């Protein structure tokens, strides 16, 4: 399956998401802030990142913009994840380069389906 990076500053969220995606056969790494996320991407480029928008230091949208601006990382799929969904957040996430947007609490049935659909679409487009 795919290599996935989960970026979230909440240890319980990291644990849940990691368990959920490894149980669906994915290789999962985690990062608790933007700097660690960038270091993890530099060490091993994932196919997809679940990016919490509310992070200490640089927020998830800032990190996503950095990744999408770099030709070496712009093809990484990024799914914005937030617990504090406000009007216009999805539009801001998509404008920053996110490929999808999900809210917490995580739909444990729907998220793996979304991840598979994104990965399949990306592999089908030659990315």
C-alpha atoms as a PDB file:
ATOM      1  CA  UNK A   1       0.000   0.000   0.000  1.00  0.00           C
ATOM      2  CA  UNK A   2       1.009   3.654   0.348  1.00  0.00           C
ATOM      3  CA  UNK A   3       3.395   5.552   2.578  1.00  0.00           C
ATOM      4  CA  UNK A   4       1.406   8.041   4.681  1.00  0.00           C
ATOM      5  CA  UNK A   5       2.607  10.803   6.991  1.00  0.00           C
ATOM      6  CA  UNK A   6       0.231  11.893   9.755  1.00  0.00           C
ATOM      7  CA  UNK A   7       0.872  15.366  11.157  1.00  0.00           C
ATOM      8  CA  UNK A   8      -1.017  16.176  14.368  1.00  0.00           C
ATOM      9  CA  UNK A   9       0.029  17.638  17.719  1.00  0.00           C
ATOM     10  CA  UNK A  10      -2.490  15.509  19.629  1.00  0.00           C
ATOM     11  CA  UNK A  11      -0.987  12.107  20.593  1.00  0.00           C
ATOM     12  CA  UNK A  12      -4.433  10.464  20.760  1.00  0.00           C
ATOM     13  CA  UNK A  13      -5.232  11.596  17.209  1.00  0.00           C
ATOM     14  CA  UNK A  14      -1.846  10.345  15.973  1.00  0.00           C
ATOM     15  CA  UNK A  15      -2.451   6.970  17.583  1.00  0.00           C
ATOM     16  CA  UNK A  16      -6.001   6.614  16.200  1.00  0.00           C
ATOM     17  CA  UNK A  17      -5.069   7.663  12.670  1.00  0.00           C
ATOM     18  CA  UNK A  18      -1.935   5.507  12.635  1.00  0.00           C
ATOM     19  CA  UNK A  19      -3.897   2.471  13.827  1.00  0.00           C
ATOM     20  CA  UNK A  20      -6.694   3.097  11.334  1.00  0.00           C
ATOM     21  CA  UNK A  21      -4.384   3.424   8.335  1.00  0.00           C
ATOM     22  CA  UNK A  22      -1.950   0.641   9.253  1.00  0.00           C
ATOM     23  CA  UNK A  23      -4.935  -1.664   9.688  1.00  0.00           C
ATOM     24  CA  UNK A  24      -5.744  -0.861   6.049  1.00  0.00           C
ATOM     25  CA  UNK A  25      -2.240  -1.892   4.989  1.00  0.00           C
ATOM     26  CA  UNK A  26      -0.510   1.468   4.752  1.00  0.00           C
ATOM     27  CA  UNK A  27       2.986   2.309   5.954  1.00  0.00           C
ATOM     28  CA  UNK A  28       2.546   5.150   8.449  1.00  0.00           C
ATOM     29  CA  UNK A  29       4.906   7.691  10.005  1.00  0.00           C
ATOM     30  CA  UNK A  30       3.919  10.528  12.313  1.00  0.00           C
ATOM     31  CA  UNK A  31       5.023  14.069  13.099  1.00  0.00           C
ATOM     32  CA  UNK A  32       3.773  16.333  15.882  1.00  0.00           C
ATOM     33  CA  UNK A  33       4.519  19.730  14.291  1.00  0.00           C
ATOM     34  CA  UNK A  34       5.368  21.416  11.006  1.00  0.00           C
ATOM     35  CA  UNK A  35       9.152  21.264  11.410  1.00  0.00           C
ATOM     36  CA  UNK A  36       9.035  17.528  12.111  1.00  0.00           C
ATOM     37  CA  UNK A  37       6.667  17.082   9.168  1.00  0.00           C
ATOM     38  CA  UNK A  38       9.095  18.813   6.797  1.00  0.00           C
ATOM     39  CA  UNK A  39      11.987  16.743   8.163  1.00  0.00           C
ATOM     40  CA  UNK A  40       9.962  13.526   7.721  1.00  0.00           C
ATOM     41  CA  UNK A  41       9.118  14.455   4.118  1.00  0.00           C
ATOM     42  CA  UNK A  42      12.783  15.215   3.405  1.00  0.00           C
ATOM     43  CA  UNK A  43      13.816  11.833   4.866  1.00  0.00           C
ATOM     44  CA  UNK A  44      11.216   9.801   2.958  1.00  0.00           C
ATOM     45  CA  UNK A  45       8.642  11.306   0.623  1.00  0.00           C
ATOM     46  CA  UNK A  46       5.161   9.975   1.455  1.00  0.00           C
ATOM     47  CA  UNK A  47       2.397   9.440  -1.078  1.00  0.00           C
ATOM     48  CA  UNK A  48      -0.103  11.237   1.184  1.00  0.00           C
ATOM     49  CA  UNK A  49      -0.090  13.487   4.245  1.00  0.00           C
ATOM     50  CA  UNK A  50      -2.929  13.880   6.733  1.00  0.00           C
ATOM     51  CA  UNK A  51      -2.239  17.463   7.840  1.00  0.00           C
ATOM     52  CA  UNK A  52      -3.787  18.900  10.990  1.00  0.00           C
ATOM     53  CA  UNK A  53      -4.444  22.573  10.360  1.00  0.00           C
ATOM     54  CA  UNK A  54      -3.894  23.653  13.983  1.00  0.00           C
ATOM     55  CA  UNK A  55      -0.236  22.947  14.751  1.00  0.00           C
ATOM     56  CA  UNK A  56       2.261  24.595  17.105  1.00  0.00           C
ATOM     57  CA  UNK A  57       4.567  26.927  15.177  1.00  0.00           C
ATOM     58  CA  UNK A  58       3.767  26.940  11.474  1.00  0.00           C
ATOM     59  CA  UNK A  59       0.181  25.825  10.872  1.00  0.00           C
ATOM     60  CA  UNK A  60      -0.857  23.079   8.487  1.00  0.00           C
ATOM     61  CA  UNK A  61      -1.791  25.460   5.673  1.00  0.00           C
ATOM     62  CA  UNK A  62       1.644  27.118   5.812  1.00  0.00           C
ATOM     63  CA  UNK A  63       3.372  23.734   5.644  1.00  0.00           C
ATOM     64  CA  UNK A  64       1.094  22.645   2.790  1.00  0.00           C
ATOM     65  CA  UNK A  65       1.908  25.813   0.820  1.00  0.00           C
ATOM     66  CA  UNK A  66       5.633  25.113   1.298  1.00  0.00           C
ATOM     67  CA  UNK A  67       5.266  21.536   0.081  1.00  0.00           C
ATOM     68  CA  UNK A  68       3.124  22.490  -2.926  1.00  0.00           C
ATOM     69  CA  UNK A  69       5.546  25.294  -3.922  1.00  0.00           C
ATOM     70  CA  UNK A  70       8.476  22.845  -4.134  1.00  0.00           C
ATOM     71  CA  UNK A  71       8.667  20.811  -7.375  1.00  0.00           C
ATOM     72  CA  UNK A  72      10.137  17.878  -5.406  1.00  0.00           C
ATOM     73  CA  UNK A  73       7.107  17.626  -3.093  1.00  0.00           C
ATOM     74  CA  UNK A  74       4.203  19.260  -4.927  1.00  0.00           C
ATOM     75  CA  UNK A  75       2.750  15.914  -6.036  1.00  0.00           C
ATOM     76  CA  UNK A  76       2.309  14.655  -2.456  1.00  0.00           C
ATOM     77  CA  UNK A  77      -1.397  14.391  -1.694  1.00  0.00           C
ATOM     78  CA  UNK A  78      -2.395  16.492   1.326  1.00  0.00           C
ATOM     79  CA  UNK A  79      -5.612  15.979   3.269  1.00  0.00           C
ATOM     80  CA  UNK A  80      -6.432  18.862   5.617  1.00  0.00           C
ATOM     81  CA  UNK A  81      -7.748  17.683   8.991  1.00  0.00           C
ATOM     82  CA  UNK A  82      -9.332  20.026  11.524  1.00  0.00           C
ATOM     83  CA  UNK A  83     -11.342  19.938  14.716  1.00  0.00           C
ATOM     84  CA  UNK A  84     -12.257  23.611  14.487  1.00  0.00           C
ATOM     85  CA  UNK A  85     -14.167  23.756  11.238  1.00  0.00           C
ATOM     86  CA  UNK A  86     -15.220  27.297  10.487  1.00  0.00           C
ATOM     87  CA  UNK A  87     -17.054  28.725   7.500  1.00  0.00           C
ATOM     88  CA  UNK A  88     -14.561  29.121   4.670  1.00  0.00           C
ATOM     89  CA  UNK A  89     -11.947  26.732   6.104  1.00  0.00           C
ATOM     90  CA  UNK A  90     -12.423  24.147   3.387  1.00  0.00           C
ATOM     91  CA  UNK A  91     -12.010  26.790   0.683  1.00  0.00           C
ATOM     92  CA  UNK A  92      -8.843  28.112   2.384  1.00  0.00           C
ATOM     93  CA  UNK A  93      -7.448  24.582   2.663  1.00  0.00           C
ATOM     94  CA  UNK A  94      -8.105  23.830  -1.003  1.00  0.00           C
ATOM     95  CA  UNK A  95      -6.659  27.213  -2.023  1.00  0.00           C
ATOM     96  CA  UNK A  96      -3.489  26.389  -0.049  1.00  0.00           C
ATOM     97  CA  UNK A  97      -3.099  23.232  -2.127  1.00  0.00           C
ATOM     98  CA  UNK A  98      -4.828  20.581  -0.038  1.00  0.00           C
ATOM     99  CA  UNK A  99      -6.358  17.791  -2.084  1.00  0.00           C
ATOM    100  CA  UNK A 100      -9.182  17.085   0.375  1.00  0.00           C
ATOM    101  CA  UNK A 101     -10.614  18.327   3.671  1.00  0.00           C
ATOM    102  CA  UNK A 102     -11.959  16.316   6.610  1.00  0.00           C
ATOM    103  CA  UNK A 103     -13.212  17.318  10.031  1.00  0.00           C
ATOM    104  CA  UNK A 104     -12.689  15.751  13.438  1.00  0.00           C
ATOM    105  CA  UNK A 105     -13.936  13.612  14.968  1.00  0.00           C
ATOM    106  CA  UNK A 106     -12.593  11.388  12.209  1.00  0.00           C
ATOM    107  CA  UNK A 107     -15.078   9.182  10.389  1.00  0.00           C
ATOM    108  CA  UNK A 108     -13.226   5.882  10.848  1.00  0.00           C
ATOM    109  CA  UNK A 109     -15.170   4.273   8.017  1.00  0.00           C
ATOM    110  CA  UNK A 110     -15.034   7.183   5.610  1.00  0.00           C
ATOM    111  CA  UNK A 111     -11.379   8.223   5.989  1.00  0.00           C
ATOM    112  CA  UNK A 112      -9.847   4.987   4.618  1.00  0.00           C
ATOM    113  CA  UNK A 113     -12.256   5.184   1.667  1.00  0.00           C
ATOM    114  CA  UNK A 114     -11.213   8.789   0.983  1.00  0.00           C
ATOM    115  CA  UNK A 115      -7.506   7.906   1.254  1.00  0.00           C
ATOM    116  CA  UNK A 116      -7.913   4.988  -1.174  1.00  0.00           C
ATOM    117  CA  UNK A 117      -9.861   7.148  -3.641  1.00  0.00           C
ATOM    118  CA  UNK A 118      -7.206   9.887  -3.580  1.00  0.00           C
ATOM    119  CA  UNK A 119      -4.355   7.410  -4.002  1.00  0.00           C
ATOM    120  CA  UNK A 120      -6.137   5.615  -6.835  1.00  0.00           C
ATOM    121  CA  UNK A 121      -6.917   8.894  -8.604  1.00  0.00           C
ATOM    122  CA  UNK A 122      -3.282  10.034  -8.244  1.00  0.00           C
ATOM    123  CA  UNK A 123      -1.859   6.763  -9.569  1.00  0.00           C
ATOM    124  CA  UNK A 124      -4.323   6.812 -12.450  1.00  0.00           C
ATOM    125  CA  UNK A 125      -3.256  10.304 -13.493  1.00  0.00           C
ATOM    126  CA  UNK A 126       0.387   9.320 -13.742  1.00  0.00           C
ATOM    127  CA  UNK A 127       1.388  11.226 -10.620  1.00  0.00           C
END
